[in-house]
Protein backbone atom coordinates (compact mmCIF):
# COMPACT_ATOMS: atom_id res chain seq x y z
CA ARG A 1 29.31 35.98 87.50
CA SER A 2 30.08 38.28 84.66
CA ALA A 3 27.36 39.75 82.50
CA ALA A 4 28.40 37.58 79.51
CA THR A 5 28.13 34.38 81.53
CA ARG A 6 24.61 35.23 82.69
CA ARG A 7 23.48 35.95 79.10
CA ASN A 8 24.78 32.53 77.87
CA THR A 9 23.00 30.70 80.69
CA THR A 10 19.70 32.43 79.92
CA ALA A 11 19.99 31.63 76.21
CA SER A 12 20.67 27.94 76.91
CA ALA A 13 17.58 27.71 79.07
CA ARG A 14 15.42 29.23 76.37
CA PHE A 15 16.83 26.78 73.73
CA GLU A 16 16.12 23.74 75.93
CA GLN A 17 12.51 24.84 76.38
CA ALA A 18 12.03 25.30 72.61
CA VAL A 19 13.36 21.80 71.64
CA PRO A 20 11.28 18.91 73.04
CA HIS A 21 13.20 16.21 74.87
CA GLN A 22 13.28 12.72 73.17
CA PRO A 23 11.85 10.00 75.47
CA ALA A 24 14.14 7.32 76.78
CA PRO A 25 13.95 3.81 75.16
CA ASP A 26 12.42 2.30 78.35
CA ALA A 27 9.67 4.86 78.25
CA VAL A 28 8.88 3.98 74.65
CA ARG A 29 8.60 0.26 75.52
CA ASP A 30 6.34 1.01 78.47
CA ALA A 31 4.08 3.20 76.35
CA THR A 32 3.77 0.48 73.72
CA ALA A 33 2.83 -2.15 76.23
CA ALA A 34 0.34 0.01 78.10
CA PRO A 35 -3.21 -1.23 77.36
CA ASP A 36 -4.88 2.07 78.06
CA THR A 37 -2.89 4.03 75.49
CA PRO A 38 -5.25 5.07 72.67
CA ALA A 39 -4.23 4.02 69.08
CA LEU A 40 -3.11 6.69 66.72
CA PRO A 41 -5.60 7.59 64.00
CA ALA A 42 -5.00 6.00 60.57
CA GLU A 43 -3.39 8.16 57.94
CA PRO A 44 -5.98 9.67 55.63
CA TYR A 45 -3.95 8.71 52.52
CA ALA A 46 -2.99 5.17 53.42
CA ALA A 47 -2.40 2.83 50.46
CA GLU A 48 -5.34 0.65 49.50
CA PRO A 49 -5.23 -2.60 47.46
CA VAL A 50 -5.41 -1.86 43.71
CA ASP A 51 -7.81 -3.73 41.46
CA PRO A 52 -5.69 -5.41 38.72
CA SER A 53 -8.43 -4.79 36.13
CA TYR A 54 -8.40 -1.04 36.76
CA VAL A 55 -7.20 1.08 33.83
CA SER A 56 -6.34 4.71 34.30
CA ARG A 57 -8.40 7.23 32.38
CA GLU A 58 -5.17 8.54 30.92
CA THR A 59 -4.71 5.26 29.03
CA ALA A 60 -7.06 4.66 26.10
CA GLU A 61 -8.10 1.05 25.86
CA ASP A 62 -8.61 1.03 22.07
CA ASP A 63 -5.43 2.87 21.05
CA ASP A 64 -2.75 0.41 19.96
CA PRO A 65 0.86 1.58 19.69
CA PRO A 66 2.03 2.55 16.19
CA LEU A 67 4.21 -0.54 15.78
CA ALA A 68 1.28 -2.81 16.65
CA MET A 69 -0.94 -1.03 14.12
CA GLU A 70 1.73 -1.39 11.44
CA ALA A 71 2.12 -5.08 12.20
CA MET A 72 -1.64 -5.59 11.93
CA ARG A 73 -1.69 -3.86 8.52
CA ALA A 74 1.23 -5.99 7.35
CA VAL A 75 -0.53 -9.24 8.29
CA GLN A 76 -3.71 -8.06 6.58
CA ILE A 77 -1.88 -7.18 3.37
CA LEU A 78 0.35 -10.27 3.19
CA ASN A 79 -2.58 -12.61 3.99
CA PRO A 80 -0.44 -15.55 5.19
CA SER A 81 -3.48 -17.84 5.35
CA GLY A 82 -3.86 -17.71 1.56
CA GLU A 83 -7.64 -17.40 1.70
CA VAL A 84 -9.61 -15.59 -0.99
CA THR A 85 -10.35 -12.30 0.77
CA MET A 86 -10.87 -10.24 -2.40
CA PRO A 87 -13.77 -11.22 -4.65
CA ARG A 88 -12.94 -13.00 -7.90
CA PRO A 89 -14.62 -11.90 -11.13
CA GLU A 90 -16.88 -14.17 -13.12
CA ARG A 91 -14.83 -13.57 -16.27
CA THR A 92 -11.26 -12.51 -16.95
CA ARG A 93 -10.77 -8.77 -16.59
CA VAL A 94 -8.13 -7.49 -19.02
CA MET A 95 -6.97 -4.08 -17.82
CA CYS A 96 -4.66 -1.82 -19.78
CA VAL A 97 -2.64 0.60 -17.61
CA ALA A 98 -2.00 3.51 -19.98
CA ASN A 99 -0.92 7.13 -19.96
CA GLN A 100 1.32 8.63 -22.64
CA LYS A 101 3.00 10.84 -20.06
CA GLY A 102 5.99 9.19 -18.42
CA GLY A 103 6.67 9.05 -14.71
CA VAL A 104 3.06 8.99 -13.53
CA GLY A 105 3.29 5.56 -11.88
CA LYS A 106 2.01 3.15 -14.55
CA THR A 107 4.53 0.40 -13.82
CA THR A 108 4.39 0.89 -10.06
CA THR A 109 0.60 0.74 -10.17
CA THR A 110 0.60 -2.37 -12.36
CA VAL A 111 3.05 -4.27 -10.17
CA ASN A 112 1.51 -3.41 -6.81
CA LEU A 113 -2.11 -3.95 -7.83
CA ALA A 114 -1.20 -7.31 -9.37
CA VAL A 115 0.67 -8.43 -6.25
CA ALA A 116 -2.12 -7.26 -3.94
CA LEU A 117 -4.78 -9.17 -5.89
CA ALA A 118 -2.59 -12.28 -6.17
CA LEU A 119 -1.85 -12.33 -2.44
CA HIS A 120 -5.58 -12.41 -1.76
CA GLY A 121 -6.54 -15.36 -3.93
CA ASN A 122 -6.83 -14.01 -7.49
CA ARG A 123 -4.93 -15.49 -10.44
CA VAL A 124 -3.12 -12.61 -12.13
CA LEU A 125 -1.02 -12.23 -15.28
CA VAL A 126 1.17 -9.16 -15.89
CA VAL A 127 2.14 -8.42 -19.50
CA ASP A 128 5.13 -6.09 -19.64
CA LEU A 129 4.70 -4.16 -22.89
CA ASP A 130 7.30 -1.49 -22.13
CA PRO A 131 10.74 -2.02 -23.78
CA GLN A 132 12.36 -0.68 -20.59
CA GLY A 133 11.17 -3.81 -18.76
CA ASN A 134 10.52 -2.05 -15.45
CA ALA A 135 7.53 -4.24 -14.55
CA SER A 136 9.72 -7.32 -15.02
CA THR A 137 12.33 -5.75 -12.73
CA GLY A 138 9.72 -4.96 -10.07
CA LEU A 139 8.57 -8.59 -10.06
CA ASN A 140 12.15 -9.95 -10.12
CA VAL A 141 11.58 -11.77 -13.42
CA PRO A 142 14.63 -12.23 -15.71
CA HIS A 143 14.38 -10.05 -18.82
CA HIS A 144 17.88 -9.88 -20.23
CA THR A 145 18.64 -10.40 -23.90
CA GLY A 146 17.85 -13.94 -25.02
CA VAL A 147 15.00 -14.54 -22.58
CA PRO A 148 11.70 -15.42 -24.32
CA ASP A 149 9.54 -12.34 -24.02
CA VAL A 150 6.44 -10.59 -25.32
CA TYR A 151 8.32 -9.65 -28.50
CA ASP A 152 8.29 -13.32 -29.53
CA CYS A 153 4.53 -13.40 -29.02
CA LEU A 154 3.90 -10.32 -31.15
CA ILE A 155 6.35 -10.92 -33.99
CA ASN A 156 6.96 -14.67 -34.07
CA SER A 157 3.53 -15.82 -32.81
CA VAL A 158 5.02 -17.80 -29.92
CA PRO A 159 2.26 -18.97 -27.54
CA LEU A 160 1.92 -16.86 -24.41
CA GLU A 161 2.16 -19.83 -22.04
CA GLU A 162 5.69 -20.55 -23.31
CA VAL A 163 6.79 -17.04 -22.40
CA ALA A 164 5.02 -16.45 -19.07
CA GLN A 165 7.12 -16.94 -15.93
CA GLY A 166 5.93 -17.53 -12.40
CA VAL A 167 6.79 -14.82 -9.88
CA GLU A 168 8.89 -16.13 -7.02
CA GLY A 169 7.16 -16.11 -3.65
CA ILE A 170 3.68 -15.32 -5.03
CA PRO A 171 2.00 -18.50 -6.28
CA ASN A 172 -0.95 -16.85 -8.09
CA LEU A 173 1.09 -14.38 -10.16
CA TRP A 174 2.70 -14.77 -13.58
CA CYS A 175 4.60 -12.28 -15.71
CA VAL A 176 5.35 -12.03 -19.44
CA PRO A 177 8.66 -10.12 -19.46
CA ALA A 178 9.88 -7.49 -21.93
CA THR A 179 13.45 -7.23 -23.24
CA ILE A 180 15.18 -4.54 -25.23
CA ASP A 181 14.16 -6.40 -28.42
CA LEU A 182 10.68 -4.97 -27.94
CA ALA A 183 12.02 -1.53 -28.88
CA GLY A 184 12.08 -2.54 -32.54
CA ALA A 185 8.67 -4.20 -32.49
CA GLU A 186 6.82 -1.02 -33.50
CA ILE A 187 8.72 -0.84 -36.79
CA GLU A 188 8.39 -4.57 -37.49
CA LEU A 189 4.65 -4.55 -36.76
CA VAL A 190 3.98 -2.01 -39.51
CA SER A 191 4.02 -4.66 -42.25
CA VAL A 192 2.31 -7.42 -40.23
CA VAL A 193 -1.25 -8.43 -41.04
CA ALA A 194 -3.74 -7.49 -38.29
CA ARG A 195 -0.94 -5.70 -36.47
CA GLU A 196 -3.28 -4.05 -33.94
CA SER A 197 -4.71 -7.32 -32.61
CA ARG A 198 -1.58 -9.46 -32.18
CA LEU A 199 -1.60 -9.21 -28.41
CA ALA A 200 -5.35 -9.78 -28.17
CA ARG A 201 -5.01 -13.08 -30.08
CA ALA A 202 -2.13 -14.20 -27.88
CA ILE A 203 -4.10 -13.56 -24.67
CA ALA A 204 -7.25 -15.21 -26.05
CA ALA A 205 -5.27 -18.33 -26.99
CA TYR A 206 -3.85 -18.82 -23.49
CA PRO A 207 -5.11 -22.18 -22.22
CA GLY A 208 -5.25 -21.26 -18.51
CA HIS A 209 -7.73 -19.02 -16.74
CA PHE A 210 -6.82 -15.73 -15.13
CA ASP A 211 -8.96 -13.46 -13.02
CA TYR A 212 -6.96 -10.38 -14.02
CA VAL A 213 -4.60 -9.52 -16.88
CA PHE A 214 -2.70 -6.27 -16.41
CA ILE A 215 -0.93 -4.79 -19.45
CA ASP A 216 1.79 -2.27 -18.61
CA CYS A 217 2.00 0.15 -21.54
CA PRO A 218 4.97 2.27 -22.67
CA PRO A 219 4.76 6.07 -22.28
CA SER A 220 3.66 6.61 -25.87
CA LEU A 221 0.68 6.22 -28.19
CA GLY A 222 2.33 3.93 -30.72
CA LEU A 223 1.48 0.46 -31.99
CA LEU A 224 2.38 -1.22 -28.70
CA THR A 225 -0.15 0.89 -26.81
CA VAL A 226 -2.72 0.33 -29.56
CA ASN A 227 -2.20 -3.44 -29.21
CA ALA A 228 -2.83 -3.12 -25.48
CA LEU A 229 -6.01 -1.07 -26.03
CA VAL A 230 -7.35 -3.59 -28.53
CA ALA A 231 -6.63 -6.52 -26.20
CA ALA A 232 -8.15 -4.89 -23.11
CA GLN A 233 -11.71 -4.43 -21.93
CA GLU A 234 -10.91 -1.74 -19.39
CA VAL A 235 -8.43 1.12 -19.20
CA LEU A 236 -6.86 2.11 -15.91
CA ILE A 237 -5.30 5.58 -16.06
CA PRO A 238 -2.86 6.62 -13.32
CA ILE A 239 -2.79 10.41 -13.00
CA GLN A 240 -0.03 12.24 -11.22
CA CYS A 241 -1.41 15.12 -9.19
CA GLU A 242 0.29 17.81 -11.28
CA TYR A 243 -0.77 20.03 -14.16
CA TYR A 244 1.21 18.31 -16.94
CA ALA A 245 -0.61 15.04 -16.24
CA LEU A 246 -3.95 16.76 -16.87
CA GLU A 247 -2.70 18.42 -20.04
CA GLY A 248 -1.98 15.12 -21.82
CA LEU A 249 -5.08 13.36 -20.54
CA ASN A 250 -7.35 14.84 -23.20
CA GLN A 251 -5.24 13.40 -26.01
CA LEU A 252 -5.26 9.96 -24.38
CA ILE A 253 -9.05 10.00 -24.08
CA ASN A 254 -9.34 10.93 -27.77
CA ASN A 255 -7.14 8.00 -28.79
CA ILE A 256 -9.16 5.63 -26.61
CA ASN A 257 -12.33 6.83 -28.33
CA LEU A 258 -10.75 6.20 -31.76
CA VAL A 259 -9.81 2.65 -30.77
CA ARG A 260 -13.33 2.07 -29.47
CA GLN A 261 -14.92 3.27 -32.70
CA HIS A 262 -12.72 1.35 -35.13
CA LEU A 263 -11.01 -1.58 -33.37
CA ASN A 264 -12.46 -2.47 -29.96
CA PRO A 265 -16.06 -1.37 -29.27
CA ARG A 266 -16.10 -2.97 -25.78
CA LEU A 267 -13.22 -0.79 -24.52
CA GLU A 268 -14.02 1.67 -21.74
CA VAL A 269 -12.19 3.84 -19.23
CA SER A 270 -13.22 2.13 -16.02
CA THR A 271 -10.71 3.31 -13.42
CA ILE A 272 -8.80 6.51 -12.62
CA LEU A 273 -6.14 6.35 -9.90
CA LEU A 274 -4.52 9.45 -8.40
CA THR A 275 -0.82 8.89 -7.69
CA MET A 276 2.05 10.80 -6.06
CA TYR A 277 -0.44 12.74 -3.97
CA ASP A 278 1.00 15.33 -1.59
CA ARG A 279 -1.62 16.65 0.81
CA ARG A 280 0.60 19.54 1.84
CA THR A 281 0.14 21.32 -1.50
CA ARG A 282 -2.90 23.12 -2.81
CA LEU A 283 -2.08 21.95 -6.33
CA ALA A 284 -2.72 18.32 -5.39
CA ASP A 285 -6.13 19.24 -3.97
CA ALA A 286 -6.99 21.27 -7.08
CA VAL A 287 -6.00 18.43 -9.43
CA GLU A 288 -7.98 15.94 -7.38
CA GLN A 289 -11.09 18.08 -7.48
CA ASP A 290 -10.80 18.62 -11.25
CA VAL A 291 -10.36 14.90 -11.92
CA ARG A 292 -13.24 13.89 -9.64
CA ASN A 293 -15.55 16.51 -11.13
CA HIS A 294 -14.79 15.34 -14.67
CA PHE A 295 -14.69 11.54 -14.24
CA GLY A 296 -17.04 11.12 -11.28
CA ASP A 297 -17.31 7.61 -9.88
CA LYS A 298 -14.55 6.27 -12.13
CA VAL A 299 -11.99 7.85 -9.79
CA LEU A 300 -11.01 5.51 -6.96
CA GLN A 301 -11.49 6.75 -3.42
CA ALA A 302 -8.04 5.35 -2.58
CA VAL A 303 -5.26 7.81 -3.36
CA ILE A 304 -1.58 6.86 -3.62
CA PRO A 305 0.59 9.25 -1.57
CA ARG A 306 4.24 10.06 -2.12
CA ASN A 307 6.08 7.39 -0.16
CA VAL A 308 9.77 6.57 -0.27
CA ARG A 309 9.10 2.86 0.34
CA VAL A 310 7.31 2.66 -3.01
CA SER A 311 10.45 3.97 -4.72
CA GLU A 312 12.84 1.75 -2.74
CA ALA A 313 11.06 -1.55 -3.40
CA PRO A 314 12.11 -2.07 -7.08
CA SER A 315 15.80 -1.86 -6.13
CA TYR A 316 15.25 -5.06 -4.15
CA GLY A 317 13.27 -6.76 -6.92
CA GLN A 318 10.04 -6.51 -4.93
CA SER A 319 6.78 -4.68 -4.84
CA VAL A 320 6.05 -2.42 -1.90
CA MET A 321 3.43 -4.96 -0.81
CA THR A 322 6.16 -7.45 0.11
CA TYR A 323 9.03 -5.01 0.75
CA ASP A 324 7.28 -3.01 3.49
CA PRO A 325 3.67 -4.17 3.87
CA GLY A 326 3.04 -1.86 6.82
CA SER A 327 3.96 1.34 4.98
CA ARG A 328 1.50 3.97 3.80
CA GLY A 329 2.25 3.16 0.17
CA ALA A 330 1.44 -0.52 0.60
CA THR A 331 -1.74 0.27 2.52
CA SER A 332 -2.90 2.67 -0.21
CA TYR A 333 -2.30 0.19 -3.03
CA PHE A 334 -4.03 -2.52 -1.02
CA GLU A 335 -7.08 -0.29 -0.62
CA ALA A 336 -7.02 0.51 -4.35
CA ALA A 337 -6.86 -3.18 -5.27
CA GLN A 338 -9.71 -4.00 -2.91
CA GLU A 339 -11.81 -1.23 -4.41
CA ILE A 340 -11.12 -2.45 -7.96
CA ALA A 341 -12.06 -6.01 -6.98
CA GLU A 342 -15.29 -4.96 -5.29
CA ARG A 343 -16.34 -2.66 -8.12
CA GLY A 344 -16.07 -5.23 -10.87
CA VAL A 345 -17.68 -8.34 -9.41
CA LYS A 346 -20.82 -9.54 -7.73
CA GLU A 347 -19.44 -12.87 -6.63
CA PRO A 348 -19.41 -13.37 -2.83
CA VAL A 349 -16.11 -13.25 -0.98
CA GLY A 350 -14.74 -16.41 0.59
CA ARG A 351 -14.65 -18.84 -2.31
CA ASN A 352 -11.45 -20.89 -2.17
CA ALA A 353 -10.24 -22.30 -5.45
């Protein structure tokens, strides 16, 4: 043979020794049937039956998904059972929502607190005393020209029960609307006898019983606001977490003191609510600290954050409580309403009436 042929033969022999030969099928059958063949050891990582109750440590048992949490908040806020879950006061609480600065959330606060309390068993009346009629819009109550409104109560002495309208979808809530006619009421009230107490007499003459009466004031310190301060027992002041809101607060407190001294000695500032709160800014924290240091326990622990759902709701004729009950804005107003209800009463929760 040639030298090349011998090298190929030697290489083939080495390759055959390196690769083990596969056994024939008959040999495999004989090996399986042989009784003396020892069994192969079990694999160390063989699958074992899994307990169905076992939960991995990577999965937290108490953490619900965000959608489930939002749905739970929505059910809590809407209260479909209709039970009285917020305590009802022993007497009617007349609350005036006032701040001469515009855009601080007076109307939004009035509407959402009223809806929250009404959804949880309280009988609530909203008196829209702003000629713009935004509270009427937020509650989807007609307030176009020709509709009986609060102007007729103040100027023409029309009884309040003839003007109040029930709010659709919320059985415990009524609203006295405001039309553009109210814009001229300040001038017409100048010559009226006992002009400062016209609204107080109208509310006192109402034959029904309300747990809460919220009066939404215009952004001014005119006769309409004075009528609201004389009719009310408590003042709720929404404060936007900005410097301009603090600047005008001193003047409002002075006017409230004047009304207390001369017209309504039982009037008091009972509640301060921080609105449009943005935790990302240092200014909001500074305003909150100043307000809490000055007013103390009168400031609610609940704070209303900036939330687009709160701004979207009026365009649908709803409050944020019914428009998006799982949103942060609805949750914050619900907490504020619950805090107001618990602060002002000693009656136990759970009374159905």
